Amino acid sequence: MNKVSIHQKINEILIEEFEVDEEVINPDASLKESLDLDSLDYVDLVVIIESNFGVKLVEADFAEMVTFQDFYDVIERKIAAKN
């Protein structure tokens, strides 16, 4: 799975599962402000990411995520480490 397909899949998940407006998804945009997710939504996000990519996000991963690009980077690193 390459970077483009990872980004597309993540964006698709955010749009479909969390009703995020496609226009707010920008690599430099603030992840937390743009998504406006509550704690239960974050649990759902962890489960959905794990089922789609086979990697598990932990609380420490979210601490380093500020932008959408940070989110993409964390998923990419975890996928690379798994393979």
Protein backbone atom coordinates (compact mmCIF):
# COMPACT_ATOMS: atom_id res chain seq x y z
CA MET A 1 0.00 0.00 0.00
CA ASN A 2 1.56 3.30 -1.06
CA LYS A 3 1.26 6.74 0.55
CA VAL A 4 -1.41 7.97 -1.87
CA SER A 5 -3.65 4.97 -1.28
CA ILE A 6 -3.15 5.26 2.50
CA HIS A 7 -4.14 8.94 2.44
CA GLN A 8 -7.15 8.22 0.22
CA LYS A 9 -8.35 5.40 2.47
CA ILE A 10 -7.95 7.50 5.63
CA ASN A 11 -9.84 10.39 4.02
CA GLU A 12 -12.57 8.00 2.87
CA ILE A 13 -12.92 6.64 6.43
CA LEU A 14 -13.15 10.14 7.91
CA ILE A 15 -15.76 11.23 5.37
CA GLU A 16 -17.90 8.11 5.52
CA GLU A 17 -17.64 7.07 9.16
CA PHE A 18 -17.33 10.44 10.88
CA GLU A 19 -19.16 12.68 8.40
CA VAL A 20 -16.14 14.96 7.99
CA ASP A 21 -16.56 17.50 5.23
CA GLU A 22 -14.06 16.71 2.48
CA GLU A 23 -13.06 20.39 2.21
CA VAL A 24 -11.64 20.45 5.75
CA ILE A 25 -9.29 17.55 5.07
CA ASN A 26 -5.99 19.24 4.31
CA PRO A 27 -2.55 17.90 5.25
CA ASP A 28 -1.73 21.10 7.16
CA ALA A 29 -5.11 21.48 8.90
CA SER A 30 -5.49 20.81 12.60
CA LEU A 31 -6.70 17.26 13.05
CA LYS A 32 -8.51 17.81 16.36
CA GLU A 33 -10.17 21.08 15.39
CA SER A 34 -11.26 19.82 11.97
CA LEU A 35 -12.61 16.48 13.17
CA ASP A 36 -14.26 17.67 16.38
CA LEU A 37 -14.40 14.10 17.69
CA ASP A 38 -15.33 13.11 21.22
CA SER A 39 -13.60 10.36 23.19
CA LEU A 40 -15.95 7.65 21.91
CA ASP A 41 -15.28 8.75 18.34
CA TYR A 42 -11.55 8.31 18.96
CA VAL A 43 -12.20 4.76 20.18
CA ASP A 44 -14.17 4.11 16.98
CA LEU A 45 -11.35 5.61 14.93
CA VAL A 46 -8.80 3.28 16.56
CA VAL A 47 -10.99 0.25 15.80
CA ILE A 48 -11.62 1.32 12.20
CA ILE A 49 -7.94 2.04 11.53
CA GLU A 50 -7.00 -1.34 12.96
CA SER A 51 -9.57 -3.18 10.86
CA ASN A 52 -8.61 -1.34 7.66
CA PHE A 53 -4.83 -1.19 8.01
CA GLY A 54 -3.99 -3.93 10.52
CA VAL A 55 -2.21 -1.49 12.84
CA LYS A 56 -3.21 -0.37 16.32
CA LEU A 57 -3.16 3.22 17.48
CA VAL A 58 -2.44 3.93 21.13
CA GLU A 59 -2.94 7.06 23.20
CA ALA A 60 0.69 8.13 22.73
CA ASP A 61 0.18 8.13 18.95
CA PHE A 62 -2.52 10.77 19.26
CA ALA A 63 -0.25 12.97 21.39
CA GLU A 64 2.05 13.52 18.41
CA MET A 65 -0.78 14.12 15.92
CA VAL A 66 -1.46 17.78 15.29
CA THR A 67 -2.26 17.88 11.57
CA PHE A 68 -3.79 15.47 9.10
CA GLN A 69 -0.26 14.94 7.75
CA ASP A 70 0.86 13.82 11.21
CA PHE A 71 -2.01 11.33 11.22
CA TYR A 72 -1.02 10.01 7.79
CA ASP A 73 2.63 9.75 8.89
CA VAL A 74 1.79 7.73 12.01
CA ILE A 75 -0.29 5.25 10.01
CA GLU A 76 2.41 5.00 7.33
CA ARG A 77 5.12 4.32 9.94
CA LYS A 78 3.03 1.66 11.66
CA ILE A 79 2.26 -0.06 8.36
CA ALA A 80 5.94 0.02 7.38
CA ALA A 81 6.98 -1.38 10.78
CA LYS A 82 4.42 -4.16 10.47
CA ASN A 83 5.74 -5.17 7.06
